[in-house]
Amino acid sequence: MVVGVPEELGGYRIDAEIARHGGGGAVYCAHCERTGESVALKYLPAPPSGAPSAERFEREMRLAEHLQHPNIVRVIDARQLESGDRLIAMELIDGEDLAARARRGRVLPGSAVAMLLQLGAALEYAHGEGVVHRDVKPANAMVDVRGHVSLMDFGLARHPDDTTVTVTAQILGTVAYMSPEQARGRRASAKSDVYALTGVLYTLLTGRRPYPGDTTAMLLAHLEKPPPRPSDSFPDLRCFDRLIAAGMAKTWDRRQSLEELLSGARLAAAEWAALESFEEPSRESHASLPTTRTAVWGIPASTARSVGSATTVDAPLGLRGLQNAAAVLFREYRVPLTMTAIFLFTLALILILRS
């Protein structure tokens, strides 16, 4: 029995607590007594009548029925108990959220981009259905033991047909990954999700939030400070600086699209892989890395495969990746390569003349 929680909730037997949220909410590992299925059971205490949280629950349930995608956590059941408490039964994922993963240190760029591509596939689908998530963050994404990533918690999402919650002059979202327009209380768009998703990539690459500090400091940073540069934390990540800057541009019209973000991330990962193959990373860049390098480094489009609408990565650099690598090598080593060629030509000429 979980302390403070009944052994049974709405036909679900509680086994263990997975996470706890503010206001008494929690997520539990539970078993459905009717089917025997293991689920992640989200428990939400009854809100005051007419409170925004009640509207949020109703909205999340409608969207859960509407959104079906391999990279979106599947909602199995949702109900409100006689007490007013609410339950959401979701598929139980054998893994961890990306916030927990990032707390253990930076993720190698290939793996980080593979995660990004899967979250991007989920958002691309949601945006195609007219849904803006509005709360994309590492804690709202789960990665399982196979590396499959799923986006969850559409409680702040908004569908064009949803007029139950007023957005104007109301700040909604998580401050650490909040777009500037959301920080100003303005309506969020698909570009707002792009901003947050780019922030998630920054966190995976560095193990840090885009902007440090308390709530006020982070809000001001989103509004006023330039986008963070991964290379300030790890010099070997300089090929991601432009990508982060474009994805976290302060105004939506200057911000890149989701498609551009995902395409640019593939190229940046390929460039990093090429440089990593010929350069010894700095001592600082090794500090948080695992002892083995099992992650895929290059993520060119030619090596990505689709599972439904999901994108996974399972191959070394393909032809496009090799072309990118060759271009990077030429830019980085054109001077020493030229000098070497001159030396070899001169040596050959001397040998020919002596003979």
Protein backbone atom coordinates (compact mmCIF):
# COMPACT_ATOMS: atom_id res chain seq x y z
CA MET A 1 0.00 0.00 0.00
CA VAL A 2 1.22 3.50 -0.84
CA VAL A 3 1.29 5.81 2.17
CA GLY A 4 -1.58 8.31 2.01
CA VAL A 5 -3.22 6.62 -0.96
CA PRO A 6 -5.87 3.85 -0.87
CA GLU A 7 -4.86 0.42 -2.11
CA GLU A 8 -7.50 0.76 -4.80
CA LEU A 9 -8.60 3.73 -6.88
CA GLY A 10 -11.47 3.47 -9.33
CA GLY A 11 -10.84 -0.18 -10.11
CA TYR A 12 -7.04 0.15 -10.16
CA ARG A 13 -4.75 -1.48 -7.58
CA ILE A 14 -1.87 0.81 -6.60
CA ASP A 15 1.57 -0.84 -6.62
CA ALA A 16 4.08 2.01 -6.33
CA GLU A 17 4.48 5.75 -6.68
CA ILE A 18 6.27 6.94 -9.80
CA ALA A 19 6.12 10.70 -9.37
CA ARG A 20 4.37 13.35 -7.29
CA HIS A 21 2.98 16.66 -8.53
CA GLY A 22 1.87 19.85 -6.87
CA GLY A 23 -1.57 20.08 -5.31
CA GLY A 24 -1.56 16.47 -4.17
CA GLY A 25 -1.46 14.93 -7.63
CA ALA A 26 0.69 11.90 -8.37
CA VAL A 27 1.45 9.19 -10.90
CA TYR A 28 1.39 5.57 -9.78
CA CYS A 29 2.25 2.21 -11.17
CA ALA A 30 -1.04 0.34 -10.96
CA HIS A 31 -2.93 -2.72 -12.19
CA CYS A 32 -6.37 -2.64 -13.73
CA GLU A 33 -8.43 -5.13 -11.71
CA ARG A 34 -10.68 -5.78 -14.68
CA THR A 35 -8.06 -6.52 -17.34
CA GLY A 36 -4.91 -7.14 -15.26
CA GLU A 37 -3.03 -4.61 -17.41
CA SER A 38 -0.23 -2.60 -15.83
CA VAL A 39 -0.69 1.14 -16.30
CA ALA A 40 0.70 4.49 -15.24
CA LEU A 41 -2.18 5.98 -13.26
CA LYS A 42 -2.30 9.76 -13.03
CA TYR A 43 -4.26 10.84 -9.93
CA LEU A 44 -5.63 14.39 -9.71
CA PRO A 45 -7.50 15.55 -6.58
CA ALA A 46 -10.90 17.14 -7.09
CA PRO A 47 -10.46 20.83 -7.98
CA PRO A 48 -12.73 23.62 -6.77
CA SER A 49 -15.84 23.92 -8.86
CA GLY A 50 -15.19 25.82 -12.07
CA ALA A 51 -11.43 25.95 -11.49
CA PRO A 52 -9.17 26.06 -14.56
CA SER A 53 -7.69 22.66 -13.56
CA ALA A 54 -11.11 21.06 -14.04
CA GLU A 55 -11.35 22.55 -17.52
CA ARG A 56 -7.80 21.39 -18.20
CA PHE A 57 -8.75 17.83 -17.33
CA GLU A 58 -11.74 17.85 -19.65
CA ARG A 59 -9.59 19.29 -22.43
CA GLU A 60 -6.85 16.72 -21.93
CA MET A 61 -9.40 13.93 -22.16
CA ARG A 62 -10.86 15.23 -25.41
CA LEU A 63 -7.42 15.56 -26.93
CA ALA A 64 -6.38 12.11 -25.68
CA GLU A 65 -9.24 10.61 -27.66
CA HIS A 66 -8.32 12.69 -30.70
CA LEU A 67 -4.53 12.30 -30.84
CA GLN A 68 -3.23 8.83 -31.74
CA HIS A 69 0.44 8.60 -32.70
CA PRO A 70 3.36 6.22 -32.01
CA ASN A 71 5.30 9.02 -30.28
CA ILE A 72 2.42 10.21 -28.09
CA VAL A 73 1.73 8.37 -24.86
CA ARG A 74 -1.43 6.28 -25.26
CA VAL A 75 -4.26 7.09 -22.86
CA ILE A 76 -6.16 3.93 -21.95
CA ASP A 77 -8.86 5.21 -19.63
CA ALA A 78 -9.99 8.42 -17.95
CA ARG A 79 -12.68 8.92 -15.37
CA GLN A 80 -13.90 11.15 -12.60
CA LEU A 81 -14.76 9.48 -9.30
CA GLU A 82 -17.80 10.31 -7.16
CA SER A 83 -15.46 12.25 -4.87
CA GLY A 84 -14.52 14.48 -7.78
CA ASP A 85 -10.99 13.06 -7.95
CA ARG A 86 -9.85 12.25 -11.46
CA LEU A 87 -7.88 9.33 -12.87
CA ILE A 88 -6.02 8.98 -16.16
CA ALA A 89 -4.68 5.52 -17.01
CA MET A 90 -1.84 5.64 -19.53
CA GLU A 91 0.44 3.04 -21.05
CA LEU A 92 3.23 2.15 -18.63
CA ILE A 93 6.61 2.92 -20.16
CA ASP A 94 9.68 1.05 -18.96
CA GLY A 95 12.04 3.98 -18.87
CA GLU A 96 12.40 7.51 -17.56
CA ASP A 97 11.49 11.04 -18.52
CA LEU A 98 14.05 13.19 -20.30
CA ALA A 99 14.40 15.47 -17.28
CA ALA A 100 15.71 12.54 -15.26
CA ARG A 101 17.99 11.58 -18.14
CA ALA A 102 19.39 15.10 -18.42
CA ARG A 103 20.11 15.25 -14.68
CA ARG A 104 22.61 12.45 -15.17
CA GLY A 105 24.63 14.62 -17.57
CA ARG A 106 24.77 15.55 -21.21
CA VAL A 107 23.52 13.21 -23.91
CA LEU A 108 25.75 12.51 -26.90
CA PRO A 109 24.57 14.57 -29.91
CA GLY A 110 23.54 11.57 -31.98
CA SER A 111 21.28 10.25 -29.25
CA ALA A 112 19.98 13.72 -28.39
CA VAL A 113 19.02 14.35 -32.01
CA ALA A 114 17.40 10.91 -32.27
CA MET A 115 15.22 11.88 -29.31
CA LEU A 116 14.48 15.26 -30.88
CA LEU A 117 13.37 13.68 -34.15
CA GLN A 118 10.84 11.50 -32.35
CA LEU A 119 9.42 14.40 -30.35
CA GLY A 120 9.34 16.38 -33.57
CA ALA A 121 7.33 13.62 -35.25
CA ALA A 122 4.78 13.79 -32.43
CA LEU A 123 4.52 17.57 -32.66
CA GLU A 124 4.34 17.50 -36.45
CA TYR A 125 1.34 15.19 -36.16
CA ALA A 126 -0.29 17.27 -33.41
CA HIS A 127 0.21 20.50 -35.35
CA GLY A 128 -1.27 18.83 -38.40
CA GLU A 129 -4.35 18.13 -36.28
CA GLY A 130 -4.47 21.78 -35.25
CA VAL A 131 -3.18 21.11 -31.73
CA VAL A 132 -0.46 23.18 -30.02
CA HIS A 133 1.04 21.45 -26.98
CA ARG A 134 2.15 24.65 -25.14
CA ASP A 135 4.12 22.76 -22.46
CA VAL A 136 6.90 20.87 -24.23
CA LYS A 137 9.64 20.10 -21.70
CA PRO A 138 11.92 17.19 -20.74
CA ALA A 139 9.59 16.09 -17.93
CA ASN A 140 6.78 15.64 -20.48
CA ALA A 141 8.71 13.16 -22.63
CA MET A 142 9.43 9.53 -21.78
CA VAL A 143 12.22 7.42 -23.25
CA ASP A 144 12.05 3.65 -22.88
CA VAL A 145 14.85 1.12 -22.68
CA ARG A 146 14.88 0.81 -26.50
CA GLY A 147 15.33 4.54 -27.01
CA HIS A 148 11.73 5.11 -28.12
CA VAL A 149 10.52 8.57 -27.05
CA SER A 150 6.91 9.51 -26.34
CA LEU A 151 5.40 12.93 -25.70
CA MET A 152 2.78 13.18 -22.97
CA ASP A 153 0.64 15.57 -20.90
CA PHE A 154 -1.49 17.54 -23.34
CA GLY A 155 -3.24 19.23 -20.42
CA LEU A 156 -2.22 22.69 -21.63
CA ALA A 157 -2.68 21.87 -25.30
CA ARG A 158 -5.23 23.77 -27.29
CA HIS A 159 -7.35 22.67 -30.23
CA PRO A 160 -8.83 25.33 -32.55
CA ASP A 161 -12.35 24.14 -31.65
CA ASP A 162 -11.64 24.54 -27.92
CA THR A 163 -13.05 27.80 -26.57
CA THR A 164 -13.43 26.76 -22.93
CA VAL A 165 -10.22 28.34 -21.65
CA THR A 166 -9.13 31.92 -22.19
CA VAL A 167 -5.50 32.26 -23.16
CA THR A 168 -5.21 36.03 -23.50
CA ALA A 169 -3.32 37.75 -20.66
CA GLN A 170 -2.72 34.38 -18.99
CA ILE A 171 0.73 32.82 -18.68
CA LEU A 172 0.51 29.08 -19.34
CA GLY A 173 3.37 26.62 -19.57
CA THR A 174 6.60 25.77 -17.78
CA VAL A 175 8.83 28.80 -17.27
CA ALA A 176 12.13 27.04 -18.01
CA TYR A 177 11.03 26.28 -21.61
CA MET A 178 8.43 28.98 -22.19
CA SER A 179 8.47 30.94 -25.44
CA PRO A 180 8.68 34.74 -25.22
CA GLU A 181 5.15 35.14 -26.57
CA GLN A 182 3.81 32.86 -23.83
CA ALA A 183 5.81 34.78 -21.23
CA ARG A 184 4.00 37.90 -22.41
CA GLY A 185 0.64 36.16 -22.01
CA ARG A 186 0.02 36.01 -25.73
CA ARG A 187 -1.48 33.17 -27.73
CA ALA A 188 0.85 30.25 -28.37
CA SER A 189 1.40 28.83 -31.84
CA ALA A 190 3.27 25.93 -33.40
CA LYS A 191 6.38 28.14 -33.32
CA SER A 192 5.99 28.27 -29.52
CA ASP A 193 6.38 24.50 -29.43
CA VAL A 194 9.45 24.85 -31.67
CA TYR A 195 11.00 27.25 -29.14
CA ALA A 196 10.38 24.83 -26.27
CA LEU A 197 11.56 21.81 -28.26
CA THR A 198 14.79 23.62 -29.11
CA GLY A 199 15.23 24.29 -25.40
CA VAL A 200 14.77 20.58 -24.74
CA LEU A 201 17.53 19.81 -27.26
CA TYR A 202 19.81 22.31 -25.50
CA THR A 203 19.15 20.57 -22.17
CA LEU A 204 19.88 17.14 -23.63
CA LEU A 205 23.13 18.35 -25.21
CA THR A 206 24.41 20.16 -22.11
CA GLY A 207 22.55 18.68 -19.14
CA ARG A 208 21.42 22.22 -18.25
CA ARG A 209 18.35 24.39 -18.64
CA PRO A 210 18.51 27.09 -21.33
CA TYR A 211 18.54 29.84 -18.69
CA PRO A 212 19.49 29.47 -15.01
CA GLY A 213 17.91 31.25 -12.06
CA ASP A 214 14.54 31.57 -10.39
CA THR A 215 11.20 32.04 -12.11
CA THR A 216 11.59 35.80 -12.56
CA ALA A 217 15.13 35.49 -13.89
CA MET A 218 14.10 32.84 -16.40
CA LEU A 219 11.11 34.87 -17.61
CA LEU A 220 13.30 37.92 -18.19
CA ALA A 221 15.91 35.79 -19.94
CA HIS A 222 13.33 34.38 -22.36
CA LEU A 223 12.26 37.93 -23.16
CA GLU A 224 15.60 39.73 -23.27
CA LYS A 225 18.68 37.49 -23.34
CA PRO A 226 20.07 36.01 -26.56
CA PRO A 227 19.61 32.27 -27.06
CA PRO A 228 22.10 30.19 -25.11
CA ARG A 229 25.07 28.70 -26.96
CA PRO A 230 25.86 25.04 -26.29
CA SER A 231 29.54 25.72 -27.04
CA ASP A 232 29.76 27.99 -23.98
CA SER A 233 29.34 24.84 -21.91
CA PHE A 234 31.05 22.34 -24.23
CA PRO A 235 33.26 23.69 -27.04
CA ASP A 236 32.74 20.55 -29.15
CA LEU A 237 29.06 21.54 -29.55
CA ARG A 238 29.79 24.69 -31.57
CA CYS A 239 28.08 23.15 -34.63
CA PHE A 240 24.78 23.36 -32.68
CA ASP A 241 25.06 27.08 -31.81
CA ARG A 242 23.28 28.37 -34.93
CA LEU A 243 20.59 25.72 -34.67
CA ILE A 244 19.73 26.66 -31.08
CA ALA A 245 19.80 30.36 -31.95
CA ALA A 246 17.38 29.86 -34.87
CA GLY A 247 15.02 27.67 -32.86
CA MET A 248 14.95 30.02 -29.87
CA ALA A 249 14.66 33.30 -31.75
CA LYS A 250 12.76 35.85 -29.66
CA THR A 251 10.01 36.48 -32.22
CA TRP A 252 8.03 33.75 -33.93
CA ASP A 253 8.48 35.26 -37.39
CA ARG A 254 12.28 35.01 -37.08
CA ARG A 255 12.13 31.55 -35.54
CA GLN A 256 12.71 28.54 -37.76
CA SER A 257 9.97 26.04 -38.48
CA LEU A 258 9.73 22.58 -36.97
CA GLU A 259 10.85 21.05 -40.27
CA GLU A 260 13.88 23.34 -40.40
CA LEU A 261 14.77 22.49 -36.80
CA LEU A 262 14.70 18.75 -37.44
CA SER A 263 16.60 19.01 -40.72
CA GLY A 264 19.21 21.29 -39.16
CA ALA A 265 19.62 18.95 -36.20
CA ARG A 266 20.45 16.04 -38.51
CA LEU A 267 23.14 18.09 -40.25
CA ALA A 268 24.58 19.38 -36.96
CA ALA A 269 24.81 15.82 -35.62
CA ALA A 270 26.56 14.68 -38.80
CA GLU A 271 29.00 17.60 -38.55
CA TRP A 272 29.71 16.83 -34.89
CA ALA A 273 30.35 13.17 -35.75
CA ALA A 274 32.82 14.12 -38.48
CA LEU A 275 34.71 16.50 -36.20
CA GLU A 276 34.65 14.02 -33.33
CA SER A 277 36.21 11.39 -35.55
CA PHE A 278 39.30 13.52 -36.17
CA GLU A 279 39.53 15.75 -33.09
CA GLU A 280 40.14 14.78 -29.50
CA PRO A 281 37.34 16.47 -27.50
CA SER A 282 38.33 18.76 -24.66
CA ARG A 283 38.76 17.33 -21.19
CA GLU A 284 35.63 19.21 -20.13
CA SER A 285 33.59 17.58 -22.85
CA HIS A 286 34.57 14.14 -21.54
CA ALA A 287 33.62 14.89 -17.95
CA SER A 288 29.98 13.88 -18.19
CA LEU A 289 30.20 11.32 -20.98
CA PRO A 290 29.52 7.64 -20.36
CA THR A 291 32.48 5.30 -20.60
CA THR A 292 31.08 3.55 -23.67
CA ARG A 293 29.90 5.16 -26.87
CA THR A 294 27.01 3.04 -28.00
CA ALA A 295 24.93 5.97 -29.23
CA VAL A 296 24.56 6.62 -32.93
CA TRP A 297 26.40 9.78 -33.87
CA GLY A 298 25.26 10.77 -37.35
CA ILE A 299 21.57 11.36 -38.07
CA PRO A 300 21.35 12.03 -41.81
CA ALA A 301 17.92 11.71 -43.35
CA SER A 302 19.02 8.72 -45.40
CA THR A 303 19.60 6.61 -42.26
CA ALA A 304 16.32 7.44 -40.55
CA ARG A 305 13.45 5.01 -40.82
CA SER A 306 9.80 5.56 -40.07
CA VAL A 307 7.63 3.48 -37.77
CA GLY A 308 4.16 4.77 -38.55
CA SER A 309 4.81 8.50 -38.33
CA ALA A 310 7.57 8.03 -35.79
CA THR A 311 11.21 8.49 -36.63
CA THR A 312 13.91 6.25 -35.20
CA VAL A 313 17.61 6.02 -35.94
CA ASP A 314 19.52 2.81 -36.39
CA ALA A 315 22.43 3.28 -38.78
CA PRO A 316 25.87 4.82 -39.16
CA LEU A 317 26.42 7.70 -41.53
CA GLY A 318 24.92 7.12 -44.97
CA LEU A 319 25.90 8.75 -48.27
CA ARG A 320 24.53 12.13 -47.27
CA GLY A 321 26.30 11.91 -43.94
CA LEU A 322 29.59 11.06 -45.66
CA GLN A 323 29.15 14.03 -47.98
CA ASN A 324 28.56 16.27 -44.99
CA ALA A 325 31.58 14.80 -43.24
CA ALA A 326 33.75 15.37 -46.32
CA ALA A 327 32.62 18.98 -46.52
CA VAL A 328 33.38 19.54 -42.86
CA LEU A 329 36.81 17.91 -43.17
CA PHE A 330 37.70 20.07 -46.16
CA ARG A 331 36.74 23.25 -44.32
CA GLU A 332 38.61 22.32 -41.16
CA TYR A 333 41.75 20.79 -42.70
CA ARG A 334 42.16 22.48 -46.08
CA VAL A 335 45.34 24.35 -45.01
CA PRO A 336 47.25 21.33 -43.62
CA LEU A 337 46.03 19.17 -46.49
CA THR A 338 47.25 21.72 -49.01
CA MET A 339 50.65 21.97 -47.30
CA THR A 340 50.94 18.20 -47.22
CA ALA A 341 50.13 17.97 -50.93
CA ILE A 342 52.78 20.59 -51.76
CA PHE A 343 55.35 18.75 -49.67
CA LEU A 344 54.63 15.41 -51.34
CA PHE A 345 54.71 16.98 -54.80
CA THR A 346 58.07 18.66 -54.05
CA LEU A 347 59.50 15.41 -52.68
CA ALA A 348 58.37 13.49 -55.73
CA LEU A 349 59.90 16.11 -58.03
CA ILE A 350 63.25 15.92 -56.22
CA LEU A 351 63.30 12.13 -56.49
CA ILE A 352 62.51 12.31 -60.20
CA LEU A 353 65.29 14.84 -60.84
CA ARG A 354 67.84 12.77 -58.89
CA SER A 355 66.98 9.68 -60.85
